[in-house]
Amino acid sequence: MNHDDTKAADPLDHPELADAIAPALLGLLRRVDDGDEEARAQALPAVAAIVDAFAALGLMEFAYLAPGPDDDEDGDGPIAWFEAGEAIFDKERDTVVIAGSEILEVFEGPIELVDPPEHEHEVEG
């Protein structure tokens, strides 16, 4: 059988997540998953700090999927990969915002999940 063992049905049940974060934060995230708004408010600053640390270390990228020519379907238009530079807890938006300004690659969609494009500008370390 050829399947990806790293994907759990529920991201909160991923074994690496349980090994990597404090049980208190994992419990808080489970409450958020259950719709607890107070838990969401408590979790956002910690989530922002964690994501910001990953971004600062160059461990994150994000993609903008432009709509196609008919504007009906995301993913049919060009896709731009950005390096995530920082993450902040935006109190006004009540969310964690990931920002980046360095474009790593632009791919002229559509997305094909079977064979995604390679990073042309990736630097081997």
PDB file of N, CA and C in Angstrom:
ATOM      1  N   MET A   1       0.853  -1.178   0.000  1.00  0.00           N
ATOM      2  CA  MET A   1       0.000   0.000   0.000  1.00  0.00           C
ATOM      3  C   MET A   1       0.897   1.238   0.000  1.00  0.00           C
ATOM      4  N   ASN A   2       0.587   2.204  -0.828  1.00  0.00           N
ATOM      5  CA  ASN A   2       1.381   3.421  -0.930  1.00  0.00           C
ATOM      6  C   ASN A   2       0.556   4.584  -0.391  1.00  0.00           C
ATOM      7  N   HIS A   3       0.818   4.978   0.853  1.00  0.00           N
ATOM      8  CA  HIS A   3       0.109   6.116   1.438  1.00  0.00           C
ATOM      9  C   HIS A   3       1.057   6.876   2.352  1.00  0.00           C
ATOM     10  N   ASP A   4       0.661   8.076   2.689  1.00  0.00           N
ATOM     11  CA  ASP A   4       1.489   8.968   3.505  1.00  0.00           C
ATOM     12  C   ASP A   4       1.142   8.773   4.971  1.00  0.00           C
ATOM     13  N   ASP A   5       2.042   8.151   5.729  1.00  0.00           N
ATOM     14  CA  ASP A   5       1.803   7.899   7.145  1.00  0.00           C
ATOM     15  C   ASP A   5       1.881   9.151   8.007  1.00  0.00           C
ATOM     16  N   THR A   6       2.341  10.275   7.440  1.00  0.00           N
ATOM     17  CA  THR A   6       2.474  11.493   8.236  1.00  0.00           C
ATOM     18  C   THR A   6       1.158  12.248   8.345  1.00  0.00           C
ATOM     19  N   LYS A   7       0.131  11.842   7.602  1.00  0.00           N
ATOM     20  CA  LYS A   7      -1.141  12.562   7.633  1.00  0.00           C
ATOM     21  C   LYS A   7      -2.141  11.812   8.496  1.00  0.00           C
ATOM     22  N   ALA A   8      -2.549  12.449   9.579  1.00  0.00           N
ATOM     23  CA  ALA A   8      -3.577  11.880  10.449  1.00  0.00           C
ATOM     24  C   ALA A   8      -4.925  12.426  10.014  1.00  0.00           C
ATOM     25  N   ALA A   9      -5.987  11.733  10.367  1.00  0.00           N
ATOM     26  CA  ALA A   9      -7.322  12.195  10.012  1.00  0.00           C
ATOM     27  C   ALA A   9      -7.590  13.578  10.614  1.00  0.00           C
ATOM     28  N   ASP A  10      -7.139  13.798  11.829  1.00  0.00           N
ATOM     29  CA  ASP A  10      -7.301  15.076  12.507  1.00  0.00           C
ATOM     30  C   ASP A  10      -5.902  15.617  12.798  1.00  0.00           C
ATOM     31  N   PRO A  11      -5.586  16.820  12.316  1.00  0.00           N
ATOM     32  CA  PRO A  11      -4.234  17.355  12.551  1.00  0.00           C
ATOM     33  C   PRO A  11      -3.837  17.392  14.028  1.00  0.00           C
ATOM     34  N   LEU A  12      -4.799  17.524  14.919  1.00  0.00           N
ATOM     35  CA  LEU A  12      -4.475  17.558  16.346  1.00  0.00           C
ATOM     36  C   LEU A  12      -4.084  16.187  16.883  1.00  0.00           C
ATOM     37  N   ASP A  13      -4.337  15.141  16.102  1.00  0.00           N
ATOM     38  CA  ASP A  13      -3.962  13.789  16.506  1.00  0.00           C
ATOM     39  C   ASP A  13      -2.619  13.355  15.925  1.00  0.00           C
ATOM     40  N   HIS A  14      -1.957  14.258  15.210  1.00  0.00           N
ATOM     41  CA  HIS A  14      -0.667  13.928  14.602  1.00  0.00           C
ATOM     42  C   HIS A  14       0.341  13.633  15.711  1.00  0.00           C
ATOM     43  N   PRO A  15       1.003  12.464  15.690  1.00  0.00           N
ATOM     44  CA  PRO A  15       1.935  12.100  16.776  1.00  0.00           C
ATOM     45  C   PRO A  15       3.050  13.123  17.012  1.00  0.00           C
ATOM     46  N   GLU A  16       3.587  13.711  15.932  1.00  0.00           N
ATOM     47  CA  GLU A  16       4.662  14.687  16.101  1.00  0.00           C
ATOM     48  C   GLU A  16       4.177  15.940  16.814  1.00  0.00           C
ATOM     49  N   LEU A  17       2.921  16.297  16.617  1.00  0.00           N
ATOM     50  CA  LEU A  17       2.376  17.461  17.310  1.00  0.00           C
ATOM     51  C   LEU A  17       2.317  17.203  18.811  1.00  0.00           C
ATOM     52  N   ALA A  18       1.831  16.047  19.176  1.00  0.00           N
ATOM     53  CA  ALA A  18       1.736  15.702  20.604  1.00  0.00           C
ATOM     54  C   ALA A  18       3.114  15.655  21.255  1.00  0.00           C
ATOM     55  N   ASP A  19       4.127  15.224  20.495  1.00  0.00           N
ATOM     56  CA  ASP A  19       5.487  15.159  21.032  1.00  0.00           C
ATOM     57  C   ASP A  19       6.144  16.535  21.129  1.00  0.00           C
ATOM     58  N   ALA A  20       5.691  17.490  20.305  1.00  0.00           N
ATOM     59  CA  ALA A  20       6.410  18.757  20.170  1.00  0.00           C
ATOM     60  C   ALA A  20       5.842  19.909  20.995  1.00  0.00           C
ATOM     61  N   ILE A  21       4.579  19.855  21.375  1.00  0.00           N
ATOM     62  CA  ILE A  21       4.019  20.986  22.111  1.00  0.00           C
ATOM     63  C   ILE A  21       3.534  20.541  23.492  1.00  0.00           C
ATOM     64  N   ALA A  22       3.443  21.502  24.357  1.00  0.00           N
ATOM     65  CA  ALA A  22       3.027  21.227  25.738  1.00  0.00           C
ATOM     66  C   ALA A  22       1.597  20.693  25.767  1.00  0.00           C
ATOM     67  N   PRO A  23       1.337  19.767  26.664  1.00  0.00           N
ATOM     68  CA  PRO A  23      -0.023  19.231  26.793  1.00  0.00           C
ATOM     69  C   PRO A  23      -1.072  20.321  27.044  1.00  0.00           C
ATOM     70  N   ALA A  24      -0.709  21.373  27.761  1.00  0.00           N
ATOM     71  CA  ALA A  24      -1.670  22.454  28.024  1.00  0.00           C
ATOM     72  C   ALA A  24      -2.082  23.145  26.729  1.00  0.00           C
ATOM     73  N   LEU A  25      -1.108  23.411  25.833  1.00  0.00           N
ATOM     74  CA  LEU A  25      -1.436  24.052  24.558  1.00  0.00           C
ATOM     75  C   LEU A  25      -2.235  23.099  23.681  1.00  0.00           C
ATOM     76  N   LEU A  26      -1.878  21.831  23.664  1.00  0.00           N
ATOM     77  CA  LEU A  26      -2.636  20.869  22.875  1.00  0.00           C
ATOM     78  C   LEU A  26      -4.080  20.792  23.375  1.00  0.00           C
ATOM     79  N   GLY A  27      -4.270  20.807  24.678  1.00  0.00           N
ATOM     80  CA  GLY A  27      -5.622  20.817  25.233  1.00  0.00           C
ATOM     81  C   GLY A  27      -6.387  22.059  24.824  1.00  0.00           C
ATOM     82  N   LEU A  28      -5.706  23.201  24.833  1.00  0.00           N
ATOM     83  CA  LEU A  28      -6.317  24.457  24.411  1.00  0.00           C
ATOM     84  C   LEU A  28      -6.735  24.376  22.938  1.00  0.00           C
ATOM     85  N   LEU A  29      -5.871  23.814  22.105  1.00  0.00           N
ATOM     86  CA  LEU A  29      -6.188  23.668  20.678  1.00  0.00           C
ATOM     87  C   LEU A  29      -7.380  22.733  20.466  1.00  0.00           C
ATOM     88  N   ARG A  30      -7.470  21.701  21.274  1.00  0.00           N
ATOM     89  CA  ARG A  30      -8.629  20.796  21.174  1.00  0.00           C
ATOM     90  C   ARG A  30      -9.926  21.541  21.530  1.00  0.00           C
ATOM     91  N   ARG A  31      -9.850  22.423  22.513  1.00  0.00           N
ATOM     92  CA  ARG A  31     -11.024  23.227  22.872  1.00  0.00           C
ATOM     93  C   ARG A  31     -11.398  24.178  21.737  1.00  0.00           C
ATOM     94  N   VAL A  32     -10.385  24.758  21.088  1.00  0.00           N
ATOM     95  CA  VAL A  32     -10.641  25.626  19.929  1.00  0.00           C
ATOM     96  C   VAL A  32     -11.349  24.818  18.845  1.00  0.00           C
ATOM     97  N   ASP A  33     -10.853  23.599  18.607  1.00  0.00           N
ATOM     98  CA  ASP A  33     -11.445  22.722  17.593  1.00  0.00           C
ATOM     99  C   ASP A  33     -12.904  22.407  17.905  1.00  0.00           C
ATOM    100  N   ASP A  34     -13.248  22.409  19.170  1.00  0.00           N
ATOM    101  CA  ASP A  34     -14.628  22.159  19.592  1.00  0.00           C
ATOM    102  C   ASP A  34     -15.493  23.417  19.565  1.00  0.00           C
ATOM    103  N   GLY A  35     -14.905  24.551  19.141  1.00  0.00           N
ATOM    104  CA  GLY A  35     -15.679  25.783  19.008  1.00  0.00           C
ATOM    105  C   GLY A  35     -15.640  26.709  20.207  1.00  0.00           C
ATOM    106  N   ASP A  36     -14.730  26.483  21.139  1.00  0.00           N
ATOM    107  CA  ASP A  36     -14.636  27.302  22.349  1.00  0.00           C
ATOM    108  C   ASP A  36     -13.939  28.628  22.014  1.00  0.00           C
ATOM    109  N   GLU A  37     -14.701  29.717  21.983  1.00  0.00           N
ATOM    110  CA  GLU A  37     -14.163  31.036  21.618  1.00  0.00           C
ATOM    111  C   GLU A  37     -13.173  31.565  22.652  1.00  0.00           C
ATOM    112  N   GLU A  38     -13.387  31.283  23.926  1.00  0.00           N
ATOM    113  CA  GLU A  38     -12.443  31.716  24.956  1.00  0.00           C
ATOM    114  C   GLU A  38     -11.091  31.025  24.768  1.00  0.00           C
ATOM    115  N   ALA A  39     -11.109  29.749  24.427  1.00  0.00           N
ATOM    116  CA  ALA A  39      -9.875  29.013  24.167  1.00  0.00           C
ATOM    117  C   ALA A  39      -9.165  29.583  22.947  1.00  0.00           C
ATOM    118  N   ARG A  40      -9.937  29.990  21.939  1.00  0.00           N
ATOM    119  CA  ARG A  40      -9.346  30.593  20.736  1.00  0.00           C
ATOM    120  C   ARG A  40      -8.581  31.860  21.107  1.00  0.00           C
ATOM    121  N   ALA A  41      -9.208  32.714  21.901  1.00  0.00           N
ATOM    122  CA  ALA A  41      -8.562  33.957  22.326  1.00  0.00           C
ATOM    123  C   ALA A  41      -7.287  33.680  23.121  1.00  0.00           C
ATOM    124  N   GLN A  42      -7.298  32.636  23.929  1.00  0.00           N
ATOM    125  CA  GLN A  42      -6.114  32.281  24.719  1.00  0.00           C
ATOM    126  C   GLN A  42      -5.008  31.684  23.852  1.00  0.00           C
ATOM    127  N   ALA A  43      -5.385  30.939  22.807  1.00  0.00           N
ATOM    128  CA  ALA A  43      -4.407  30.232  21.983  1.00  0.00           C
ATOM    129  C   ALA A  43      -3.704  31.129  20.964  1.00  0.00           C
ATOM    130  N   LEU A  44      -4.379  32.144  20.469  1.00  0.00           N
ATOM    131  CA  LEU A  44      -3.830  32.941  19.366  1.00  0.00           C
ATOM    132  C   LEU A  44      -2.443  33.541  19.639  1.00  0.00           C
ATOM    133  N   PRO A  45      -2.172  34.151  20.788  1.00  0.00           N
ATOM    134  CA  PRO A  45      -0.823  34.693  20.995  1.00  0.00           C
ATOM    135  C   PRO A  45       0.272  33.616  20.966  1.00  0.00           C
ATOM    136  N   ALA A  46       0.001  32.459  21.536  1.00  0.00           N
ATOM    137  CA  ALA A  46       0.986  31.373  21.522  1.00  0.00           C
ATOM    138  C   ALA A  46       1.195  30.846  20.106  1.00  0.00           C
ATOM    139  N   VAL A  47       0.110  30.698  19.369  1.00  0.00           N
ATOM    140  CA  VAL A  47       0.209  30.219  17.985  1.00  0.00           C
ATOM    141  C   VAL A  47       1.010  31.220  17.151  1.00  0.00           C
ATOM    142  N   ALA A  48       0.753  32.509  17.326  1.00  0.00           N
ATOM    143  CA  ALA A  48       1.504  33.534  16.591  1.00  0.00           C
ATOM    144  C   ALA A  48       2.991  33.459  16.914  1.00  0.00           C
ATOM    145  N   ALA A  49       3.328  33.283  18.177  1.00  0.00           N
ATOM    146  CA  ALA A  49       4.741  33.211  18.574  1.00  0.00           C
ATOM    147  C   ALA A  49       5.417  31.992  17.965  1.00  0.00           C
ATOM    148  N   ILE A  50       4.731  30.866  17.950  1.00  0.00           N
ATOM    149  CA  ILE A  50       5.304  29.644  17.377  1.00  0.00           C
ATOM    150  C   ILE A  50       5.509  29.803  15.873  1.00  0.00           C
ATOM    151  N   VAL A  51       4.492  30.274  15.175  1.00  0.00           N
ATOM    152  CA  VAL A  51       4.588  30.433  13.731  1.00  0.00           C
ATOM    153  C   VAL A  51       5.632  31.487  13.376  1.00  0.00           C
ATOM    154  N   ASP A  52       5.727  32.566  14.161  1.00  0.00           N
ATOM    155  CA  ASP A  52       6.724  33.592  13.919  1.00  0.00           C
ATOM    156  C   ASP A  52       8.138  33.015  14.063  1.00  0.00           C
ATOM    157  N   ALA A  53       8.335  32.162  15.053  1.00  0.00           N
ATOM    158  CA  ALA A  53       9.652  31.531  15.225  1.00  0.00           C
ATOM    159  C   ALA A  53       9.981  30.655  14.014  1.00  0.00           C
ATOM    160  N   PHE A  54       9.011  29.880  13.523  1.00  0.00           N
ATOM    161  CA  PHE A  54       9.251  29.049  12.346  1.00  0.00           C
ATOM    162  C   PHE A  54       9.586  29.921  11.135  1.00  0.00           C
ATOM    163  N   ALA A  55       8.854  31.014  10.962  1.00  0.00           N
ATOM    164  CA  ALA A  55       9.098  31.911   9.831  1.00  0.00           C
ATOM    165  C   ALA A  55      10.482  32.544   9.926  1.00  0.00           C
ATOM    166  N   ALA A  56      10.861  32.981  11.131  1.00  0.00           N
ATOM    167  CA  ALA A  56      12.173  33.615  11.320  1.00  0.00           C
ATOM    168  C   ALA A  56      13.317  32.658  11.009  1.00  0.00           C
ATOM    169  N   LEU A  57      13.080  31.369  11.188  1.00  0.00           N
ATOM    170  CA  LEU A  57      14.109  30.369  10.912  1.00  0.00           C
ATOM    171  C   LEU A  57      14.084  29.884   9.463  1.00  0.00           C
ATOM    172  N   GLY A  58      13.178  30.442   8.661  1.00  0.00           N
ATOM    173  CA  GLY A  58      13.099  30.048   7.259  1.00  0.00           C
ATOM    174  C   GLY A  58      12.462  28.687   7.044  1.00  0.00           C
ATOM    175  N   LEU A  59      11.596  28.282   7.965  1.00  0.00           N
ATOM    176  CA  LEU A  59      10.977  26.961   7.872  1.00  0.00           C
ATOM    177  C   LEU A  59       9.599  26.975   7.217  1.00  0.00           C
ATOM    178  N   MET A  60       9.130  28.153   6.809  1.00  0.00           N
ATOM    179  CA  MET A  60       7.772  28.231   6.273  1.00  0.00           C
ATOM    180  C   MET A  60       7.729  28.999   4.961  1.00  0.00           C
ATOM    181  N   GLU A  61       6.861  28.540   4.098  1.00  0.00           N
ATOM    182  CA  GLU A  61       6.508  29.242   2.875  1.00  0.00           C
ATOM    183  C   GLU A  61       4.984  29.262   2.825  1.00  0.00           C
ATOM    184  N   PHE A  62       4.445  30.115   1.988  1.00  0.00           N
ATOM    185  CA  PHE A  62       3.011  30.070   1.748  1.00  0.00           C
ATOM    186  C   PHE A  62       2.769  30.378   0.289  1.00  0.00           C
ATOM    187  N   ALA A  63       1.592  30.030  -0.191  1.00  0.00           N
ATOM    188  CA  ALA A  63       1.277  30.200  -1.600  1.00  0.00           C
ATOM    189  C   ALA A  63       0.006  31.021  -1.757  1.00  0.00           C
ATOM    190  N   TYR A  64       0.002  31.850  -2.789  1.00  0.00           N
ATOM    191  CA  TYR A  64      -1.205  32.552  -3.198  1.00  0.00           C
ATOM    192  C   TYR A  64      -1.694  31.868  -4.460  1.00  0.00           C
ATOM    193  N   LEU A  65      -2.911  31.363  -4.421  1.00  0.00           N
ATOM    194  CA  LEU A  65      -3.507  30.692  -5.568  1.00  0.00           C
ATOM    195  C   LEU A  65      -4.467  31.659  -6.230  1.00  0.00           C
ATOM    196  N   ALA A  66      -4.085  32.160  -7.370  1.00  0.00           N
ATOM    197  CA  ALA A  66      -4.920  33.128  -8.080  1.00  0.00           C
ATOM    198  C   ALA A  66      -6.089  32.412  -8.746  1.00  0.00           C
ATOM    199  N   PRO A  67      -7.225  33.089  -8.837  1.00  0.00           N
ATOM    200  CA  PRO A  67      -8.354  32.478  -9.541  1.00  0.00           C
ATOM    201  C   PRO A  67      -8.025  32.310 -11.020  1.00  0.00           C
ATOM    202  N   GLY A  68      -8.709  31.379 -11.649  1.00  0.00           N
ATOM    203  CA  GLY A  68      -8.523  31.151 -13.078  1.00  0.00           C
ATOM    204  C   GLY A  68      -9.166  32.246 -13.900  1.00  0.00           C
ATOM    205  N   PRO A  69      -9.123  32.095 -15.206  1.00  0.00           N
ATOM    206  CA  PRO A  69      -9.671  33.124 -16.106  1.00  0.00           C
ATOM    207  C   PRO A  69     -11.145  33.428 -15.875  1.00  0.00           C
ATOM    208  N   ASP A  70     -11.916  32.441 -15.429  1.00  0.00           N
ATOM    209  CA  ASP A  70     -13.337  32.679 -15.213  1.00  0.00           C
ATOM    210  C   ASP A  70     -13.650  33.085 -13.772  1.00  0.00           C
ATOM    211  N   ASP A  71     -12.626  33.209 -12.925  1.00  0.00           N
ATOM    212  CA  ASP A  71     -12.749  33.634 -11.525  1.00  0.00           C
ATOM    213  C   ASP A  71     -13.621  32.705 -10.681  1.00  0.00           C
ATOM    214  N   ASP A  72     -13.969  31.544 -11.194  1.00  0.00           N
ATOM    215  CA  ASP A  72     -14.823  30.621 -10.440  1.00  0.00           C
ATOM    216  C   ASP A  72     -14.031  29.663  -9.561  1.00  0.00           C
ATOM    217  N   GLU A  73     -12.864  29.268 -10.004  1.00  0.00           N
ATOM    218  CA  GLU A  73     -12.110  28.231  -9.304  1.00  0.00           C
ATOM    219  C   GLU A  73     -10.751  28.748  -8.864  1.00  0.00           C
ATOM    220  N   ASP A  74     -10.441  28.643  -7.559  1.00  0.00           N
ATOM    221  CA  ASP A  74      -9.083  28.917  -7.106  1.00  0.00           C
ATOM    222  C   ASP A  74      -8.190  27.801  -7.609  1.00  0.00           C
ATOM    223  N   GLY A  75      -6.954  28.141  -7.894  1.00  0.00           N
ATOM    224  CA  GLY A  75      -5.991  27.130  -8.286  1.00  0.00           C
ATOM    225  C   GLY A  75      -5.843  26.956  -9.779  1.00  0.00           C
ATOM    226  N   ASP A  76      -6.716  27.554 -10.587  1.00  0.00           N
ATOM    227  CA  ASP A  76      -6.576  27.435 -12.031  1.00  0.00           C
ATOM    228  C   ASP A  76      -5.647  28.501 -12.596  1.00  0.00           C
ATOM    229  N   GLY A  77      -5.442  29.572 -11.859  1.00  0.00           N
ATOM    230  CA  GLY A  77      -4.579  30.654 -12.317  1.00  0.00           C
ATOM    231  C   GLY A  77      -3.166  30.458 -11.812  1.00  0.00           C
ATOM    232  N   PRO A  78      -2.331  31.486 -11.912  1.00  0.00           N
ATOM    233  CA  PRO A  78      -0.952  31.364 -11.436  1.00  0.00           C
ATOM    234  C   PRO A  78      -0.881  31.199  -9.917  1.00  0.00           C
ATOM    235  N   ILE A  79       0.175  30.557  -9.479  1.00  0.00           N
ATOM    236  CA  ILE A  79       0.413  30.318  -8.059  1.00  0.00           C
ATOM    237  C   ILE A  79       1.752  30.938  -7.722  1.00  0.00           C
ATOM    238  N   ALA A  80       1.787  31.787  -6.706  1.00  0.00           N
ATOM    239  CA  ALA A  80       3.038  32.419  -6.286  1.00  0.00           C
ATOM    240  C   ALA A  80       3.414  31.886  -4.914  1.00  0.00           C
ATOM    241  N   TRP A  81       4.643  31.349  -4.818  1.00  0.00           N
ATOM    242  CA  TRP A  81       5.164  30.889  -3.531  1.00  0.00           C
ATOM    243  C   TRP A  81       5.960  32.023  -2.907  1.00  0.00           C
ATOM    244  N   PHE A  82       5.694  32.285  -1.644  1.00  0.00           N
ATOM    245  CA  PHE A  82       6.373  33.324  -0.892  1.00  0.00           C
ATOM    246  C   PHE A  82       7.115  32.701   0.280  1.00  0.00           C
ATOM    247  N   GLU A  83       8.213  33.334   0.657  1.00  0.00           N
ATOM    248  CA  GLU A  83       8.869  32.955   1.900  1.00  0.00           C
ATOM    249  C   GLU A  83       8.121  33.651   3.027  1.00  0.00           C
ATOM    250  N   ALA A  84       7.723  32.895   4.051  1.00  0.00           N
ATOM    251  CA  ALA A  84       7.063  33.498   5.206  1.00  0.00           C
ATOM    252  C   ALA A  84       8.124  34.220   6.014  1.00  0.00           C
ATOM    253  N   GLY A  85       7.953  35.508   6.209  1.00  0.00           N
ATOM    254  CA  GLY A  85       8.944  36.301   6.926  1.00  0.00           C
ATOM    255  C   GLY A  85       8.610  36.518   8.386  1.00  0.00           C
ATOM    256  N   GLU A  86       7.317  36.544   8.679  1.00  0.00           N
ATOM    257  CA  GLU A  86       6.899  36.770  10.064  1.00  0.00           C
ATOM    258  C   GLU A  86       5.448  36.362  10.236  1.00  0.00           C
ATOM    259  N   ALA A  87       5.071  36.219  11.482  1.00  0.00           N
ATOM    260  CA  ALA A  87       3.672  35.978  11.825  1.00  0.00           C
ATOM    261  C   ALA A  87       3.347  36.850  13.030  1.00  0.00           C
ATOM    262  N   ILE A  88       2.160  37.411  13.013  1.00  0.00           N
ATOM    263  CA  ILE A  88       1.743  38.271  14.127  1.00  0.00           C
ATOM    264  C   ILE A  88       0.332  37.893  14.554  1.00  0.00           C
ATOM    265  N   PHE A  89       0.036  38.159  15.810  1.00  0.00           N
ATOM    266  CA  PHE A  89      -1.326  38.035  16.317  1.00  0.00           C
ATOM    267  C   PHE A  89      -2.003  39.362  16.040  1.00  0.00           C
ATOM    268  N   ASP A  90      -2.933  39.358  15.115  1.00  0.00           N
ATOM    269  CA  ASP A  90      -3.663  40.569  14.743  1.00  0.00           C
ATOM    270  C   ASP A  90      -4.952  40.607  15.559  1.00  0.00           C
ATOM    271  N   LYS A  91      -4.967  41.458  16.585  1.00  0.00           N
ATOM    272  CA  LYS A  91      -6.115  41.533  17.490  1.00  0.00           C
ATOM    273  C   LYS A  91      -7.372  42.020  16.783  1.00  0.00           C
ATOM    274  N   GLU A  92      -7.221  42.946  15.838  1.00  0.00           N
ATOM    275  CA  GLU A  92      -8.387  43.454  15.118  1.00  0.00           C
ATOM    276  C   GLU A  92      -9.040  42.380  14.267  1.00  0.00           C
ATOM    277  N   ARG A  93      -8.234  41.544  13.645  1.00  0.00           N
ATOM    278  CA  ARG A  93      -8.766  40.479  12.788  1.00  0.00           C
ATOM    279  C   ARG A  93      -9.034  39.201  13.574  1.00  0.00           C
ATOM    280  N   ASP A  94      -8.544  39.139  14.810  1.00  0.00           N
ATOM    281  CA  ASP A  94      -8.710  37.980  15.678  1.00  0.00           C
ATOM    282  C   ASP A  94      -8.153  36.718  15.026  1.00  0.00           C
ATOM    283  N   THR A  95      -6.905  36.848  14.560  1.00  0.00           N
ATOM    284  CA  THR A  95      -6.269  35.728  13.880  1.00  0.00           C
ATOM    285  C   THR A  95      -4.760  35.901  13.871  1.00  0.00           C
ATOM    286  N   VAL A  96      -4.063  34.870  13.444  1.00  0.00           N
ATOM    287  CA  VAL A  96      -2.627  34.946  13.215  1.00  0.00           C
ATOM    288  C   VAL A  96      -2.439  35.246  11.738  1.00  0.00           C
ATOM    289  N   VAL A  97      -1.662  36.273  11.433  1.00  0.00           N
ATOM    290  CA  VAL A  97      -1.410  36.673  10.055  1.00  0.00           C
ATOM    291  C   VAL A  97       0.038  36.336   9.717  1.00  0.00           C
ATOM    292  N   ILE A  98       0.212  35.601   8.631  1.00  0.00           N
ATOM    293  CA  ILE A  98       1.548  35.257   8.143  1.00  0.00           C
ATOM    294  C   ILE A  98       1.850  36.184   6.984  1.00  0.00           C
ATOM    295  N   ALA A  99       3.020  36.819   7.021  1.00  0.00           N
ATOM    296  CA  ALA A  99       3.390  37.770   5.980  1.00  0.00           C
ATOM    297  C   ALA A  99       4.748  37.412   5.393  1.00  0.00           C
ATOM    298  N   GLY A 100       4.913  37.764   4.146  1.00  0.00           N
ATOM    299  CA  GLY A 100       6.182  37.567   3.473  1.00  0.00           C
ATOM    300  C   GLY A 100       6.201  38.396   2.219  1.00  0.00           C
ATOM    301  N   SER A 101       7.373  38.799   1.806  1.00  0.00           N
ATOM    302  CA  SER A 101       7.431  39.637   0.615  1.00  0.00           C
ATOM    303  C   SER A 101       8.372  39.086  -0.454  1.00  0.00           C
ATOM    304  N   GLU A 102       9.142  38.084  -0.127  1.00  0.00           N
ATOM    305  CA  GLU A 102      10.058  37.533  -1.123  1.00  0.00           C
ATOM    306  C   GLU A 102       9.364  36.428  -1.903  1.00  0.00           C
ATOM    307  N   ILE A 103       9.191  36.655  -3.208  1.00  0.00           N
ATOM    308  CA  ILE A 103       8.583  35.645  -4.067  1.00  0.00           C
ATOM    309  C   ILE A 103       9.659  34.623  -4.412  1.00  0.00           C
ATOM    310  N   LEU A 104       9.371  33.370  -4.124  1.00  0.00           N
ATOM    311  CA  LEU A 104      10.320  32.298  -4.397  1.00  0.00           C
ATOM    312  C   LEU A 104      10.128  31.705  -5.783  1.00  0.00           C
ATOM    313  N   GLU A 105       8.876  31.659  -6.236  1.00  0.00           N
ATOM    314  CA  GLU A 105       8.575  31.021  -7.509  1.00  0.00           C
ATOM    315  C   GLU A 105       7.160  31.375  -7.928  1.00  0.00           C
ATOM    316  N   VAL A 106       6.934  31.435  -9.226  1.00  0.00           N
ATOM    317  CA  VAL A 106       5.585  31.598  -9.761  1.00  0.00           C
ATOM    318  C   VAL A 106       5.375  30.454 -10.740  1.00  0.00           C
ATOM    319  N   PHE A 107       4.255  29.780 -10.577  1.00  0.00           N
ATOM    320  CA  PHE A 107       3.918  28.632 -11.406  1.00  0.00           C
ATOM    321  C   PHE A 107       2.603  28.934 -12.098  1.00  0.00           C
ATOM    322  N   GLU A 108       2.549  28.740 -13.380  1.00  0.00           N
ATOM    323  CA  GLU A 108       1.333  29.023 -14.140  1.00  0.00           C
ATOM    324  C   GLU A 108       0.362  27.857 -14.065  1.00  0.00           C
ATOM    325  N   GLY A 109      -0.325  27.654 -12.946  1.00  0.00           N
ATOM    326  CA  GLY A 109      -1.312  26.622 -12.649  1.00  0.00           C
ATOM    327  C   GLY A 109      -1.834  25.861 -13.855  1.00  0.00           C
ATOM    328  N   PRO A 110      -2.779  25.006 -13.717  1.00  0.00           N
ATOM    329  CA  PRO A 110      -3.449  24.697 -12.462  1.00  0.00           C
ATOM    330  C   PRO A 110      -2.613  23.780 -11.579  1.00  0.00           C
ATOM    331  N   ILE A 111      -3.012  23.683 -10.326  1.00  0.00           N
ATOM    332  CA  ILE A 111      -2.320  22.824  -9.379  1.00  0.00           C
ATOM    333  C   ILE A 111      -2.603  21.370  -9.730  1.00  0.00           C
ATOM    334  N   GLU A 112      -1.562  20.562  -9.682  1.00  0.00           N
ATOM    335  CA  GLU A 112      -1.729  19.127  -9.836  1.00  0.00           C
ATOM    336  C   GLU A 112      -1.161  18.486  -8.596  1.00  0.00           C
ATOM    337  N   LEU A 113      -2.012  17.893  -7.800  1.00  0.00           N
ATOM    338  CA  LEU A 113      -1.595  17.338  -6.521  1.00  0.00           C
ATOM    339  C   LEU A 113      -0.706  16.116  -6.669  1.00  0.00           C
ATOM    340  N   VAL A 114      -0.739  15.454  -7.794  1.00  0.00           N
ATOM    341  CA  VAL A 114       0.062  14.258  -7.996  1.00  0.00           C
ATOM    342  C   VAL A 114       1.541  14.607  -8.118  1.00  0.00           C
ATOM    343  N   ASP A 115       1.869  15.666  -8.838  1.00  0.00           N
ATOM    344  CA  ASP A 115       3.259  16.015  -9.090  1.00  0.00           C
ATOM    345  C   ASP A 115       3.440  17.529  -8.999  1.00  0.00           C
ATOM    346  N   PRO A 116       3.569  18.096  -7.779  1.00  0.00           N
ATOM    347  CA  PRO A 116       3.695  19.550  -7.644  1.00  0.00           C
ATOM    348  C   PRO A 116       5.014  20.047  -8.243  1.00  0.00           C
ATOM    349  N   PRO A 117       5.036  21.309  -8.658  1.00  0.00           N
ATOM    350  CA  PRO A 117       6.280  21.843  -9.250  1.00  0.00           C
ATOM    351  C   PRO A 117       7.391  21.908  -8.210  1.00  0.00           C
ATOM    352  N   GLU A 118       8.609  21.705  -8.671  1.00  0.00           N
ATOM    353  CA  GLU A 118       9.775  21.804  -7.790  1.00  0.00           C
ATOM    354  C   GLU A 118      10.133  23.270  -7.616  1.00  0.00           C
ATOM    355  N   HIS A 119      10.821  23.573  -6.517  1.00  0.00           N
ATOM    356  CA  HIS A 119      11.276  24.928  -6.266  1.00  0.00           C
ATOM    357  C   HIS A 119      12.518  25.194  -7.103  1.00  0.00           C
ATOM    358  N   GLU A 120      12.375  26.040  -8.110  1.00  0.00           N
ATOM    359  CA  GLU A 120      13.479  26.321  -9.011  1.00  0.00           C
ATOM    360  C   GLU A 120      14.620  27.063  -8.329  1.00  0.00           C
ATOM    361  N   HIS A 121      14.298  27.884  -7.341  1.00  0.00           N
ATOM    362  CA  HIS A 121      15.306  28.737  -6.715  1.00  0.00           C
ATOM    363  C   HIS A 121      15.738  28.225  -5.356  1.00  0.00           C
ATOM    364  N   GLU A 122      15.453  26.969  -5.062  1.00  0.00           N
ATOM    365  CA  GLU A 122      15.786  26.413  -3.760  1.00  0.00           C
ATOM    366  C   GLU A 122      17.305  26.332  -3.609  1.00  0.00           C
ATOM    367  N   VAL A 123      17.794  26.746  -2.461  1.00  0.00           N
ATOM    368  CA  VAL A 123      19.221  26.714  -2.191  1.00  0.00           C
ATOM    369  C   VAL A 123      19.514  25.480  -1.359  1.00  0.00           C
ATOM    370  N   GLU A 124      20.418  24.655  -1.842  1.00  0.00           N
ATOM    371  CA  GLU A 124      20.790  23.460  -1.079  1.00  0.00           C
ATOM    372  C   GLU A 124      21.757  23.842   0.009  1.00  0.00           C
ATOM    373  N   GLY A 125      21.542  23.264   1.199  1.00  0.00           N
ATOM    374  CA  GLY A 125      22.359  23.655   2.317  1.00  0.00           C
ATOM    375  C   GLY A 125      23.258  22.592   2.703  1.00  0.00           C
TER     376      GLY A 125
END
